[in-house]
Amino acid sequence: MTPEIKIFVFAGAMIAFAYTALYPRMQTKTLNRMMVLDLGVTAAILLSVGLVYYGTGTAFSVFFFDLPWWAFALLSAAVVEVPFFVWFCQRWNIDLTPPE
């Protein structure tokens, strides 16, 4: 399995866990609370990937250019998170408009 696929699958598993186990258990489901928890999930992804790839010099290919491990991990998490985010906000009626 290539390093890109490993990171993508790991990020997907972490995001899926957050959106199916952590976020539904929040007492008050708001965008701000989701953002705070998402910082923790993202930090866990970066820490885990960094423990494996930091200092190895491994380049991660995205189409026609290479990215460092941290940028590829963030990009993978963002790509995986978008459909989960849309589904969760629709499912729980989370208001995405800014407060007045």
N, C-alpha and C. Protein backbone atom coordinates (compact mmCIF):
# COMPACT_ATOMS: atom_id res chain seq x y z
N MET A 1 0.85 -1.16 0.00
CA MET A 1 0.00 0.00 0.00
C MET A 1 0.91 1.24 0.00
N THR A 2 0.59 2.20 -0.85
CA THR A 2 1.42 3.40 -0.94
C THR A 2 1.19 4.30 0.28
N PRO A 3 2.17 5.15 0.59
CA PRO A 3 2.00 6.06 1.73
C PRO A 3 0.79 6.98 1.57
N GLU A 4 0.50 7.40 0.33
CA GLU A 4 -0.66 8.26 0.10
C GLU A 4 -1.95 7.58 0.50
N ILE A 5 -2.09 6.33 0.12
CA ILE A 5 -3.31 5.58 0.45
C ILE A 5 -3.40 5.35 1.96
N LYS A 6 -2.27 5.06 2.60
CA LYS A 6 -2.27 4.86 4.05
C LYS A 6 -2.77 6.10 4.78
N ILE A 7 -2.26 7.26 4.38
CA ILE A 7 -2.68 8.50 5.04
C ILE A 7 -4.14 8.79 4.75
N PHE A 8 -4.57 8.59 3.51
CA PHE A 8 -5.95 8.87 3.13
C PHE A 8 -6.91 7.97 3.91
N VAL A 9 -6.59 6.70 4.03
CA VAL A 9 -7.45 5.77 4.78
C VAL A 9 -7.45 6.11 6.27
N PHE A 10 -6.30 6.44 6.81
CA PHE A 10 -6.22 6.80 8.23
C PHE A 10 -7.04 8.05 8.51
N ALA A 11 -6.88 9.08 7.67
CA ALA A 11 -7.65 10.32 7.85
C ALA A 11 -9.14 10.02 7.72
N GLY A 12 -9.50 9.18 6.77
CA GLY A 12 -10.90 8.81 6.60
C GLY A 12 -11.46 8.10 7.81
N ALA A 13 -10.69 7.22 8.40
CA ALA A 13 -11.14 6.51 9.60
C ALA A 13 -11.32 7.47 10.78
N MET A 14 -10.39 8.38 10.94
CA MET A 14 -10.49 9.35 12.04
C MET A 14 -11.69 10.28 11.86
N ILE A 15 -11.89 10.75 10.65
CA ILE A 15 -13.02 11.64 10.38
C ILE A 15 -14.35 10.88 10.54
N ALA A 16 -14.40 9.67 10.02
CA ALA A 16 -15.63 8.88 10.16
C ALA A 16 -15.95 8.62 11.63
N PHE A 17 -14.92 8.32 12.43
CA PHE A 17 -15.13 8.13 13.86
C PHE A 17 -15.67 9.39 14.51
N ALA A 18 -15.10 10.54 14.15
CA ALA A 18 -15.54 11.80 14.74
C ALA A 18 -16.99 12.09 14.41
N TYR A 19 -17.37 11.89 13.15
CA TYR A 19 -18.73 12.25 12.73
C TYR A 19 -19.78 11.20 13.08
N THR A 20 -19.38 10.00 13.42
CA THR A 20 -20.37 8.99 13.79
C THR A 20 -20.38 8.69 15.30
N ALA A 21 -19.30 8.99 16.00
CA ALA A 21 -19.24 8.68 17.42
C ALA A 21 -19.08 9.91 18.32
N LEU A 22 -18.22 10.85 17.95
CA LEU A 22 -17.96 11.99 18.82
C LEU A 22 -19.00 13.10 18.67
N TYR A 23 -19.18 13.59 17.47
CA TYR A 23 -20.06 14.74 17.25
C TYR A 23 -21.52 14.46 17.61
N PRO A 24 -22.09 13.30 17.32
CA PRO A 24 -23.49 13.07 17.72
C PRO A 24 -23.70 13.09 19.23
N ARG A 25 -22.66 12.86 20.01
CA ARG A 25 -22.80 12.85 21.47
C ARG A 25 -22.73 14.23 22.10
N MET A 26 -22.44 15.26 21.31
CA MET A 26 -22.39 16.62 21.85
C MET A 26 -23.78 17.01 22.36
N GLN A 27 -23.83 17.64 23.53
CA GLN A 27 -25.11 18.09 24.08
C GLN A 27 -25.76 19.12 23.16
N THR A 28 -25.01 20.17 22.85
CA THR A 28 -25.48 21.22 21.95
C THR A 28 -24.65 21.15 20.69
N LYS A 29 -25.31 20.89 19.59
CA LYS A 29 -24.60 20.73 18.33
C LYS A 29 -24.59 22.05 17.57
N THR A 30 -23.45 22.75 17.65
CA THR A 30 -23.29 24.01 16.95
C THR A 30 -22.01 23.96 16.12
N LEU A 31 -21.91 24.87 15.19
CA LEU A 31 -20.74 24.93 14.33
C LEU A 31 -19.48 25.23 15.15
N ASN A 32 -19.58 26.11 16.13
CA ASN A 32 -18.42 26.44 16.95
C ASN A 32 -17.93 25.24 17.75
N ARG A 33 -18.83 24.48 18.31
CA ARG A 33 -18.43 23.28 19.07
C ARG A 33 -17.79 22.24 18.14
N MET A 34 -18.34 22.11 16.95
CA MET A 34 -17.76 21.17 15.98
C MET A 34 -16.35 21.60 15.59
N MET A 35 -16.14 22.89 15.45
CA MET A 35 -14.82 23.39 15.06
C MET A 35 -13.79 23.10 16.15
N VAL A 36 -14.18 23.24 17.39
CA VAL A 36 -13.26 22.97 18.50
C VAL A 36 -12.87 21.49 18.52
N LEU A 37 -13.86 20.61 18.40
CA LEU A 37 -13.55 19.18 18.36
C LEU A 37 -12.75 18.81 17.12
N ASP A 38 -13.03 19.49 16.01
CA ASP A 38 -12.32 19.20 14.78
C ASP A 38 -10.84 19.57 14.88
N LEU A 39 -10.52 20.60 15.65
CA LEU A 39 -9.12 20.92 15.88
C LEU A 39 -8.40 19.75 16.56
N GLY A 40 -9.07 19.13 17.51
CA GLY A 40 -8.48 17.97 18.18
C GLY A 40 -8.31 16.78 17.25
N VAL A 41 -9.31 16.54 16.41
CA VAL A 41 -9.22 15.42 15.46
C VAL A 41 -8.10 15.68 14.45
N THR A 42 -8.01 16.90 13.96
CA THR A 42 -6.97 17.26 13.00
C THR A 42 -5.59 17.15 13.65
N ALA A 43 -5.47 17.60 14.89
CA ALA A 43 -4.20 17.48 15.60
C ALA A 43 -3.80 16.01 15.78
N ALA A 44 -4.77 15.16 16.07
CA ALA A 44 -4.48 13.73 16.22
C ALA A 44 -4.02 13.12 14.90
N ILE A 45 -4.63 13.54 13.79
CA ILE A 45 -4.21 13.06 12.47
C ILE A 45 -2.78 13.51 12.19
N LEU A 46 -2.50 14.80 12.40
CA LEU A 46 -1.15 15.31 12.13
C LEU A 46 -0.11 14.67 13.03
N LEU A 47 -0.43 14.47 14.29
CA LEU A 47 0.51 13.84 15.22
C LEU A 47 0.81 12.41 14.79
N SER A 48 -0.22 11.66 14.46
CA SER A 48 -0.03 10.26 14.07
C SER A 48 0.77 10.13 12.77
N VAL A 49 0.41 10.94 11.79
CA VAL A 49 1.13 10.89 10.51
C VAL A 49 2.56 11.39 10.70
N GLY A 50 2.73 12.42 11.51
CA GLY A 50 4.07 12.94 11.77
C GLY A 50 4.97 11.94 12.46
N LEU A 51 4.42 11.14 13.36
CA LEU A 51 5.23 10.13 14.04
C LEU A 51 5.79 9.10 13.06
N VAL A 52 5.08 8.89 11.97
CA VAL A 52 5.52 7.91 10.98
C VAL A 52 6.42 8.53 9.92
N TYR A 53 6.08 9.73 9.43
CA TYR A 53 6.76 10.27 8.25
C TYR A 53 7.67 11.45 8.50
N TYR A 54 7.68 12.03 9.68
CA TYR A 54 8.55 13.18 9.94
C TYR A 54 10.02 12.78 9.79
N GLY A 55 10.75 13.54 9.03
CA GLY A 55 12.18 13.31 8.85
C GLY A 55 12.55 12.20 7.89
N THR A 56 11.58 11.57 7.25
CA THR A 56 11.90 10.49 6.33
C THR A 56 12.17 11.00 4.92
N GLY A 57 11.74 12.22 4.61
CA GLY A 57 11.94 12.76 3.28
C GLY A 57 10.98 12.19 2.24
N THR A 58 9.97 11.49 2.69
CA THR A 58 8.99 10.91 1.77
C THR A 58 8.18 12.02 1.14
N ALA A 59 8.09 12.01 -0.18
CA ALA A 59 7.28 12.99 -0.91
C ALA A 59 5.95 12.35 -1.27
N PHE A 60 4.89 13.09 -1.13
CA PHE A 60 3.56 12.60 -1.42
C PHE A 60 3.05 13.27 -2.69
N SER A 61 2.73 12.46 -3.67
CA SER A 61 2.32 12.99 -4.97
C SER A 61 0.83 13.31 -5.01
N VAL A 62 0.53 14.49 -5.50
CA VAL A 62 -0.84 14.92 -5.75
C VAL A 62 -0.85 15.42 -7.18
N PHE A 63 -1.39 14.63 -8.06
CA PHE A 63 -1.44 14.92 -9.49
C PHE A 63 -0.04 15.18 -10.03
N PHE A 64 0.33 16.44 -10.27
CA PHE A 64 1.61 16.73 -10.91
C PHE A 64 2.64 17.36 -9.99
N PHE A 65 2.39 17.40 -8.69
CA PHE A 65 3.36 18.00 -7.79
C PHE A 65 3.44 17.20 -6.50
N ASP A 66 4.51 17.42 -5.75
CA ASP A 66 4.74 16.73 -4.49
C ASP A 66 4.45 17.64 -3.31
N LEU A 67 3.97 17.04 -2.24
CA LEU A 67 3.66 17.78 -1.02
C LEU A 67 4.41 17.14 0.15
N PRO A 68 4.72 17.93 1.19
CA PRO A 68 5.26 17.34 2.41
C PRO A 68 4.17 16.56 3.14
N TRP A 69 4.57 15.74 4.09
CA TRP A 69 3.63 14.86 4.77
C TRP A 69 2.50 15.63 5.44
N TRP A 70 2.82 16.77 6.07
CA TRP A 70 1.80 17.51 6.81
C TRP A 70 0.76 18.13 5.88
N ALA A 71 1.19 18.62 4.72
CA ALA A 71 0.25 19.21 3.77
C ALA A 71 -0.64 18.14 3.16
N PHE A 72 -0.05 16.98 2.86
CA PHE A 72 -0.86 15.90 2.31
C PHE A 72 -1.86 15.39 3.33
N ALA A 73 -1.48 15.32 4.60
CA ALA A 73 -2.40 14.87 5.64
C ALA A 73 -3.56 15.85 5.80
N LEU A 74 -3.27 17.15 5.78
CA LEU A 74 -4.33 18.15 5.89
C LEU A 74 -5.26 18.11 4.68
N LEU A 75 -4.68 17.97 3.49
CA LEU A 75 -5.49 17.90 2.27
C LEU A 75 -6.37 16.66 2.27
N SER A 76 -5.82 15.53 2.67
CA SER A 76 -6.60 14.30 2.73
C SER A 76 -7.75 14.42 3.72
N ALA A 77 -7.47 14.98 4.89
CA ALA A 77 -8.51 15.14 5.90
C ALA A 77 -9.61 16.07 5.39
N ALA A 78 -9.24 17.12 4.71
CA ALA A 78 -10.24 18.07 4.19
C ALA A 78 -11.11 17.42 3.13
N VAL A 79 -10.50 16.66 2.23
CA VAL A 79 -11.26 16.00 1.16
C VAL A 79 -12.24 14.99 1.75
N VAL A 80 -11.80 14.26 2.75
CA VAL A 80 -12.67 13.26 3.37
C VAL A 80 -13.76 13.92 4.20
N GLU A 81 -13.44 15.04 4.83
CA GLU A 81 -14.37 15.64 5.78
C GLU A 81 -15.55 16.35 5.11
N VAL A 82 -15.39 16.88 3.94
CA VAL A 82 -16.46 17.67 3.30
C VAL A 82 -17.78 16.90 3.22
N PRO A 83 -17.81 15.68 2.67
CA PRO A 83 -19.11 14.99 2.62
C PRO A 83 -19.69 14.67 4.01
N PHE A 84 -18.84 14.32 4.96
CA PHE A 84 -19.31 14.06 6.32
C PHE A 84 -19.90 15.33 6.94
N PHE A 85 -19.23 16.45 6.73
CA PHE A 85 -19.69 17.73 7.28
C PHE A 85 -21.06 18.10 6.72
N VAL A 86 -21.22 18.00 5.41
CA VAL A 86 -22.50 18.33 4.78
C VAL A 86 -23.60 17.43 5.31
N TRP A 87 -23.33 16.13 5.37
CA TRP A 87 -24.33 15.17 5.88
C TRP A 87 -24.70 15.49 7.33
N PHE A 88 -23.71 15.73 8.17
CA PHE A 88 -23.96 15.96 9.60
C PHE A 88 -24.76 17.24 9.81
N CYS A 89 -24.41 18.29 9.10
CA CYS A 89 -25.14 19.57 9.26
C CYS A 89 -26.59 19.43 8.80
N GLN A 90 -26.84 18.69 7.75
CA GLN A 90 -28.20 18.47 7.30
C GLN A 90 -28.96 17.58 8.27
N ARG A 91 -28.30 16.55 8.75
CA ARG A 91 -28.93 15.58 9.65
C ARG A 91 -29.37 16.23 10.97
N TRP A 92 -28.53 17.12 11.53
CA TRP A 92 -28.80 17.71 12.83
C TRP A 92 -29.27 19.16 12.74
N ASN A 93 -29.58 19.63 11.55
CA ASN A 93 -30.08 21.01 11.37
C ASN A 93 -29.16 22.05 11.98
N ILE A 94 -27.89 21.97 11.69
CA ILE A 94 -26.93 22.93 12.22
C ILE A 94 -26.94 24.17 11.34
N ASP A 95 -27.10 25.31 11.98
CA ASP A 95 -27.18 26.58 11.29
C ASP A 95 -25.77 27.02 10.88
N LEU A 96 -25.57 27.28 9.60
CA LEU A 96 -24.26 27.68 9.09
C LEU A 96 -24.17 29.19 8.85
N THR A 97 -25.24 29.92 9.12
CA THR A 97 -25.19 31.36 8.92
C THR A 97 -24.51 32.03 10.12
N PRO A 98 -23.75 33.10 9.86
CA PRO A 98 -23.09 33.79 10.98
C PRO A 98 -24.10 34.51 11.86
N PRO A 99 -23.83 34.61 13.15
CA PRO A 99 -24.76 35.31 14.05
C PRO A 99 -24.75 36.81 13.75
N GLU A 100 -25.88 37.45 14.02
CA GLU A 100 -25.98 38.89 13.77
C GLU A 100 -25.48 39.70 14.93
